[in-house]
N, C-alpha and C. Protein backbone atom coordinates (compact mmCIF):
# COMPACT_ATOMS: atom_id res chain seq x y z
N MET A 1 182.52 146.18 131.06
CA MET A 1 183.51 146.81 131.93
C MET A 1 184.87 146.72 131.25
N SER A 2 185.57 147.82 131.21
CA SER A 2 186.93 147.81 130.67
C SER A 2 187.92 147.42 131.76
N THR A 3 189.13 147.08 131.35
CA THR A 3 190.13 146.74 132.35
C THR A 3 190.47 147.95 133.21
N ALA A 4 190.26 149.16 132.69
CA ALA A 4 190.49 150.36 133.50
C ALA A 4 189.50 150.41 134.65
N GLY A 5 188.30 149.87 134.46
CA GLY A 5 187.29 149.84 135.51
C GLY A 5 187.55 148.80 136.58
N LEU A 6 188.63 148.03 136.43
CA LEU A 6 188.96 147.00 137.40
C LEU A 6 189.80 147.51 138.56
N GLY A 7 190.15 148.79 138.56
CA GLY A 7 190.99 149.35 139.61
C GLY A 7 190.50 149.06 141.03
N PRO A 8 189.22 149.30 141.33
CA PRO A 8 188.72 149.00 142.67
C PRO A 8 188.78 147.51 143.01
N VAL A 9 188.57 146.66 142.02
CA VAL A 9 188.64 145.22 142.26
C VAL A 9 190.08 144.82 142.58
N ARG A 10 191.02 145.36 141.82
CA ARG A 10 192.44 145.07 142.09
C ARG A 10 192.82 145.48 143.51
N LYS A 11 192.34 146.66 143.92
CA LYS A 11 192.63 147.13 145.28
C LYS A 11 192.01 146.19 146.31
N ASP A 12 190.77 145.77 146.08
CA ASP A 12 190.11 144.85 147.00
C ASP A 12 190.87 143.53 147.12
N VAL A 13 191.39 143.03 146.01
CA VAL A 13 192.17 141.79 146.03
C VAL A 13 193.42 141.99 146.87
N ARG A 14 194.15 143.07 146.62
CA ARG A 14 195.35 143.36 147.42
C ARG A 14 195.03 143.48 148.91
N ASP A 15 193.95 144.20 149.22
CA ASP A 15 193.57 144.40 150.62
C ASP A 15 193.23 143.07 151.28
N GLN A 16 192.48 142.21 150.59
CA GLN A 16 192.10 140.92 151.18
C GLN A 16 193.34 140.06 151.42
N LEU A 17 194.25 140.02 150.47
CA LEU A 17 195.47 139.22 150.65
C LEU A 17 196.31 139.75 151.80
N THR A 18 196.34 141.06 151.98
CA THR A 18 197.05 141.64 153.12
C THR A 18 196.40 141.20 154.43
N ARG A 19 195.08 141.24 154.49
CA ARG A 19 194.37 140.79 155.70
C ARG A 19 194.68 139.32 156.00
N TRP A 20 194.83 138.51 154.99
CA TRP A 20 195.14 137.10 155.17
C TRP A 20 196.63 136.84 155.41
N GLY A 21 197.46 137.89 155.34
CA GLY A 21 198.90 137.71 155.50
C GLY A 21 199.55 137.08 154.29
N LYS A 22 198.98 137.29 153.12
CA LYS A 22 199.47 136.70 151.87
C LYS A 22 199.79 137.77 150.83
N SER A 23 200.27 138.90 151.29
CA SER A 23 200.53 140.01 150.36
C SER A 23 201.58 139.66 149.30
N GLU A 24 202.40 138.64 149.57
CA GLU A 24 203.40 138.23 148.56
C GLU A 24 202.73 137.67 147.31
N LEU A 25 201.47 137.32 147.39
CA LEU A 25 200.74 136.81 146.22
C LEU A 25 200.01 137.92 145.46
N ALA A 26 200.06 139.14 145.96
CA ALA A 26 199.22 140.21 145.42
C ALA A 26 199.49 140.52 143.96
N ASP A 27 200.74 140.69 143.56
CA ASP A 27 201.02 141.08 142.17
C ASP A 27 200.52 140.03 141.18
N ASP A 28 200.87 138.77 141.41
CA ASP A 28 200.42 137.71 140.51
C ASP A 28 198.90 137.56 140.56
N SER A 29 198.33 137.67 141.75
CA SER A 29 196.88 137.53 141.89
C SER A 29 196.13 138.61 141.13
N VAL A 30 196.61 139.83 141.22
CA VAL A 30 195.96 140.94 140.53
C VAL A 30 196.01 140.73 139.02
N LEU A 31 197.13 140.24 138.50
CA LEU A 31 197.22 139.96 137.06
C LEU A 31 196.23 138.86 136.66
N VAL A 32 196.17 137.81 137.44
CA VAL A 32 195.27 136.69 137.12
C VAL A 32 193.81 137.16 137.21
N VAL A 33 193.46 137.85 138.27
CA VAL A 33 192.09 138.37 138.42
C VAL A 33 191.74 139.27 137.24
N SER A 34 192.64 140.16 136.87
CA SER A 34 192.38 141.08 135.76
C SER A 34 192.11 140.31 134.47
N GLU A 35 192.91 139.31 134.19
CA GLU A 35 192.74 138.54 132.96
C GLU A 35 191.43 137.75 132.97
N LEU A 36 191.16 137.07 134.08
CA LEU A 36 189.93 136.27 134.13
C LEU A 36 188.68 137.13 134.07
N LEU A 37 188.71 138.29 134.74
CA LEU A 37 187.55 139.18 134.67
C LEU A 37 187.41 139.79 133.28
N ALA A 38 188.52 140.17 132.66
CA ALA A 38 188.45 140.72 131.30
C ALA A 38 187.84 139.69 130.34
N ASN A 39 188.23 138.43 130.48
CA ASN A 39 187.65 137.38 129.64
C ASN A 39 186.16 137.22 129.92
N ALA A 40 185.78 137.23 131.20
CA ALA A 40 184.37 137.06 131.54
C ALA A 40 183.53 138.20 130.99
N PHE A 41 184.00 139.43 131.14
CA PHE A 41 183.24 140.57 130.62
C PHE A 41 183.29 140.65 129.10
N GLY A 42 184.39 140.19 128.51
CA GLY A 42 184.53 140.26 127.05
C GLY A 42 183.86 139.13 126.30
N HIS A 43 183.79 137.95 126.91
CA HIS A 43 183.28 136.78 126.19
C HIS A 43 182.10 136.10 126.88
N GLY A 44 181.87 136.40 128.15
CA GLY A 44 180.81 135.75 128.91
C GLY A 44 179.55 136.58 128.95
N SER A 45 178.70 136.25 129.90
CA SER A 45 177.44 136.96 130.09
C SER A 45 177.28 137.29 131.57
N ALA A 46 176.70 138.45 131.82
CA ALA A 46 176.45 138.87 133.21
C ALA A 46 175.37 137.98 133.83
N PRO A 47 175.38 137.87 135.14
CA PRO A 47 176.31 138.50 136.07
C PRO A 47 177.64 137.76 136.14
N VAL A 48 178.67 138.51 136.56
CA VAL A 48 180.01 137.97 136.73
C VAL A 48 180.34 138.04 138.22
N ARG A 49 180.90 136.95 138.74
CA ARG A 49 181.22 136.89 140.17
C ARG A 49 182.67 136.46 140.35
N LEU A 50 183.38 137.13 141.23
CA LEU A 50 184.76 136.81 141.59
C LEU A 50 184.78 136.29 143.01
N SER A 51 185.55 135.22 143.23
CA SER A 51 185.76 134.77 144.61
C SER A 51 187.22 134.40 144.81
N LEU A 52 187.70 134.66 146.00
CA LEU A 52 189.04 134.28 146.44
C LEU A 52 188.87 133.34 147.61
N VAL A 53 189.53 132.19 147.55
CA VAL A 53 189.42 131.21 148.62
C VAL A 53 190.82 130.77 149.01
N LEU A 54 191.15 130.91 150.28
CA LEU A 54 192.43 130.45 150.80
C LEU A 54 192.23 129.03 151.30
N ARG A 55 192.99 128.09 150.74
CA ARG A 55 192.81 126.67 151.05
C ARG A 55 194.08 126.10 151.67
N GLY A 56 193.91 125.07 152.47
CA GLY A 56 195.05 124.39 153.07
C GLY A 56 195.34 124.88 154.47
N ARG A 57 196.44 124.37 155.01
CA ARG A 57 196.87 124.73 156.36
C ARG A 57 198.05 125.68 156.30
N ALA A 58 198.27 126.37 157.41
CA ALA A 58 199.39 127.31 157.49
C ALA A 58 200.67 126.61 157.05
N GLY A 59 201.44 127.26 156.24
CA GLY A 59 202.69 126.70 155.72
C GLY A 59 202.50 125.97 154.40
N ASP A 60 201.26 125.60 154.07
CA ASP A 60 200.97 124.92 152.81
C ASP A 60 199.62 125.40 152.28
N GLN A 61 199.52 126.71 152.09
CA GLN A 61 198.27 127.28 151.64
C GLN A 61 198.32 127.64 150.17
N MET A 62 197.15 127.65 149.58
CA MET A 62 196.99 127.97 148.18
C MET A 62 195.81 128.92 148.05
N LEU A 63 195.93 129.86 147.15
CA LEU A 63 194.84 130.78 146.86
C LEU A 63 194.15 130.30 145.59
N ARG A 64 192.84 130.09 145.68
CA ARG A 64 192.06 129.77 144.48
C ARG A 64 191.28 131.02 144.10
N ILE A 65 191.49 131.45 142.87
CA ILE A 65 190.76 132.56 142.27
C ILE A 65 189.72 131.94 141.35
N GLN A 66 188.47 132.36 141.50
CA GLN A 66 187.39 131.84 140.67
C GLN A 66 186.58 132.99 140.10
N VAL A 67 186.31 132.91 138.80
CA VAL A 67 185.45 133.88 138.14
C VAL A 67 184.33 133.10 137.45
N THR A 68 183.12 133.43 137.83
CA THR A 68 181.94 132.75 137.29
C THR A 68 181.13 133.74 136.47
N ASP A 69 180.69 133.30 135.28
CA ASP A 69 179.76 134.10 134.49
C ASP A 69 178.73 133.15 133.88
N MET A 70 177.72 133.71 133.26
CA MET A 70 176.62 132.91 132.73
C MET A 70 176.79 132.55 131.26
N GLY A 71 178.00 132.77 130.72
CA GLY A 71 178.27 132.42 129.33
C GLY A 71 178.41 130.91 129.15
N PRO A 72 178.56 130.48 127.90
CA PRO A 72 178.61 129.04 127.60
C PRO A 72 179.91 128.36 128.00
N GLY A 73 180.94 129.11 128.26
CA GLY A 73 182.22 128.50 128.63
C GLY A 73 183.06 128.16 127.42
N PHE A 74 184.14 127.44 127.68
CA PHE A 74 185.08 127.04 126.64
C PHE A 74 185.78 125.78 127.11
N ASP A 75 186.55 125.19 126.23
CA ASP A 75 187.27 123.97 126.55
C ASP A 75 188.72 124.33 126.90
N ALA A 76 189.02 124.38 128.21
CA ALA A 76 190.37 124.77 128.66
C ALA A 76 191.43 123.82 128.13
N GLU A 77 191.13 122.55 128.07
CA GLU A 77 192.11 121.58 127.56
C GLU A 77 192.41 121.82 126.09
N LEU A 78 191.40 122.23 125.30
CA LEU A 78 191.62 122.54 123.90
C LEU A 78 192.51 123.78 123.76
N VAL A 79 192.27 124.79 124.58
CA VAL A 79 193.11 125.99 124.57
C VAL A 79 194.57 125.61 124.84
N GLN A 80 194.78 124.80 125.87
CA GLN A 80 196.14 124.38 126.23
C GLN A 80 196.76 123.52 125.13
N ALA A 81 195.98 122.66 124.50
CA ALA A 81 196.49 121.81 123.42
C ALA A 81 196.94 122.65 122.23
N ARG A 82 196.22 123.72 121.94
CA ARG A 82 196.61 124.60 120.82
C ARG A 82 197.98 125.22 121.05
N TRP A 83 198.30 125.55 122.32
CA TRP A 83 199.61 126.13 122.61
C TRP A 83 200.72 125.14 122.29
N ARG A 84 200.47 123.86 122.52
CA ARG A 84 201.50 122.84 122.33
C ARG A 84 201.64 122.38 120.89
N HIS A 85 200.60 122.58 120.08
CA HIS A 85 200.63 122.10 118.69
C HIS A 85 201.49 123.02 117.84
N PRO A 86 202.37 122.44 116.98
CA PRO A 86 203.28 123.27 116.17
C PRO A 86 202.56 124.29 115.28
N SER A 87 201.37 123.98 114.81
CA SER A 87 200.65 124.92 113.94
C SER A 87 199.74 125.84 114.74
N GLY A 88 199.70 125.65 116.06
CA GLY A 88 198.78 126.42 116.90
C GLY A 88 199.22 127.85 117.10
N GLY A 89 199.94 128.09 118.12
CA GLY A 89 200.36 129.45 118.42
C GLY A 89 199.27 130.24 119.10
N LEU A 90 199.43 131.54 119.08
CA LEU A 90 198.52 132.42 119.81
C LEU A 90 197.76 133.37 118.90
N SER A 91 197.75 133.09 117.60
CA SER A 91 197.12 134.02 116.67
C SER A 91 195.61 134.11 116.85
N THR A 92 194.99 133.09 117.42
CA THR A 92 193.54 133.12 117.58
C THR A 92 193.12 133.51 118.98
N GLY A 93 194.01 134.09 119.76
CA GLY A 93 193.67 134.51 121.11
C GLY A 93 194.24 133.56 122.13
N GLY A 94 193.89 133.81 123.37
CA GLY A 94 194.36 132.95 124.45
C GLY A 94 195.66 133.40 125.08
N ARG A 95 196.17 134.57 124.66
CA ARG A 95 197.44 135.04 125.24
C ARG A 95 197.32 135.34 126.71
N GLY A 96 196.18 135.88 127.13
CA GLY A 96 195.98 136.17 128.54
C GLY A 96 195.94 134.90 129.37
N LEU A 97 195.32 133.87 128.83
CA LEU A 97 195.30 132.60 129.54
C LEU A 97 196.69 131.96 129.59
N LEU A 98 197.52 132.26 128.60
CA LEU A 98 198.90 131.78 128.65
C LEU A 98 199.63 132.44 129.83
N LEU A 99 199.35 133.69 130.09
CA LEU A 99 199.89 134.38 131.26
C LEU A 99 199.39 133.73 132.55
N VAL A 100 198.10 133.43 132.61
CA VAL A 100 197.53 132.74 133.77
C VAL A 100 198.24 131.40 133.96
N ASP A 101 198.45 130.68 132.87
CA ASP A 101 199.13 129.39 132.92
C ASP A 101 200.54 129.53 133.48
N ALA A 102 201.24 130.58 133.08
CA ALA A 102 202.62 130.79 133.54
C ALA A 102 202.69 131.16 135.01
N LEU A 103 201.69 131.87 135.51
CA LEU A 103 201.72 132.35 136.89
C LEU A 103 201.15 131.37 137.90
N CYS A 104 200.32 130.46 137.45
CA CYS A 104 199.55 129.63 138.38
C CYS A 104 200.04 128.19 138.44
N ARG A 105 199.76 127.60 139.57
CA ARG A 105 200.02 126.19 139.82
C ARG A 105 199.17 125.32 138.90
N GLY A 106 197.97 125.78 138.63
CA GLY A 106 197.04 125.11 137.74
C GLY A 106 195.84 126.00 137.49
N TRP A 107 195.12 125.73 136.42
CA TRP A 107 193.92 126.49 136.12
C TRP A 107 193.02 125.62 135.25
N GLY A 108 191.76 125.98 135.19
CA GLY A 108 190.84 125.22 134.36
C GLY A 108 189.47 125.87 134.35
N GLU A 109 188.54 125.14 133.78
CA GLU A 109 187.18 125.64 133.62
C GLU A 109 186.22 124.51 133.95
N ARG A 110 185.14 124.85 134.61
CA ARG A 110 184.11 123.85 134.87
C ARG A 110 182.73 124.45 134.57
N ARG A 111 181.90 123.62 134.03
CA ARG A 111 180.53 124.04 133.71
C ARG A 111 179.69 124.02 134.98
N GLU A 112 178.82 124.98 135.10
CA GLU A 112 177.89 125.06 136.21
C GLU A 112 176.49 124.81 135.66
N HIS A 113 175.49 124.75 136.54
CA HIS A 113 174.12 124.52 136.07
C HIS A 113 173.69 125.61 135.08
N SER A 114 174.16 126.81 135.27
CA SER A 114 173.99 127.87 134.27
C SER A 114 175.29 128.66 134.27
N GLY A 115 175.97 128.64 133.17
CA GLY A 115 177.24 129.34 133.04
C GLY A 115 178.43 128.45 133.32
N HIS A 116 179.52 129.08 133.70
CA HIS A 116 180.76 128.34 133.95
C HIS A 116 181.66 129.14 134.87
N THR A 117 182.64 128.44 135.44
CA THR A 117 183.63 129.05 136.33
C THR A 117 185.02 128.74 135.81
N VAL A 118 185.84 129.76 135.73
CA VAL A 118 187.26 129.59 135.44
C VAL A 118 187.99 129.78 136.76
N TRP A 119 188.86 128.83 137.09
CA TRP A 119 189.58 128.87 138.36
C TRP A 119 191.08 128.86 138.08
N ALA A 120 191.82 129.40 139.02
CA ALA A 120 193.29 129.42 138.95
C ALA A 120 193.85 129.36 140.36
N ASP A 121 194.88 128.54 140.55
CA ASP A 121 195.49 128.35 141.87
C ASP A 121 196.88 128.96 141.92
N LEU A 122 197.12 129.74 142.98
CA LEU A 122 198.42 130.36 143.24
C LEU A 122 198.88 129.91 144.61
N PRO A 123 200.12 129.89 144.93
CA PRO A 123 201.25 130.24 144.08
C PRO A 123 201.69 129.05 143.23
N ARG A 124 202.42 129.38 142.20
CA ARG A 124 202.92 128.35 141.29
C ARG A 124 204.00 127.52 141.96
N GLY A 125 204.82 128.12 142.81
CA GLY A 125 206.00 127.46 143.37
C GLY A 125 205.77 126.33 144.36
N ILE A 126 204.55 126.14 144.83
CA ILE A 126 204.30 125.08 145.81
C ILE A 126 203.77 123.85 145.08
N ALA A 127 204.37 122.72 145.34
CA ALA A 127 203.93 121.49 144.67
C ALA A 127 202.78 120.85 145.40
């Protein structure tokens, strides 16, 4: 799937956030969803699953975006360490995840019994 094929998914994300009364998260959420899905389709294995989960209580809620695929996964801490290392940089990829890092409160990857899930929490501004 190309990122152009993500249009209906982006609309669904916006619609769901509106139903939850969280439309202020829509722009950042759509960018994060697009990046995580592009990575899953580009580097992972089908099937790919997206989930949005609203966590917490009113006034202190967080949106968790999760993308699961059946690929082998990657080491999120290693990706983040490369950004901080003087010889690292972004020449070997990971620029999209740098965007996720900038927009989100936190993000990471966890291995599943088959495949892995990349998660990201919004909004960034709430501690």
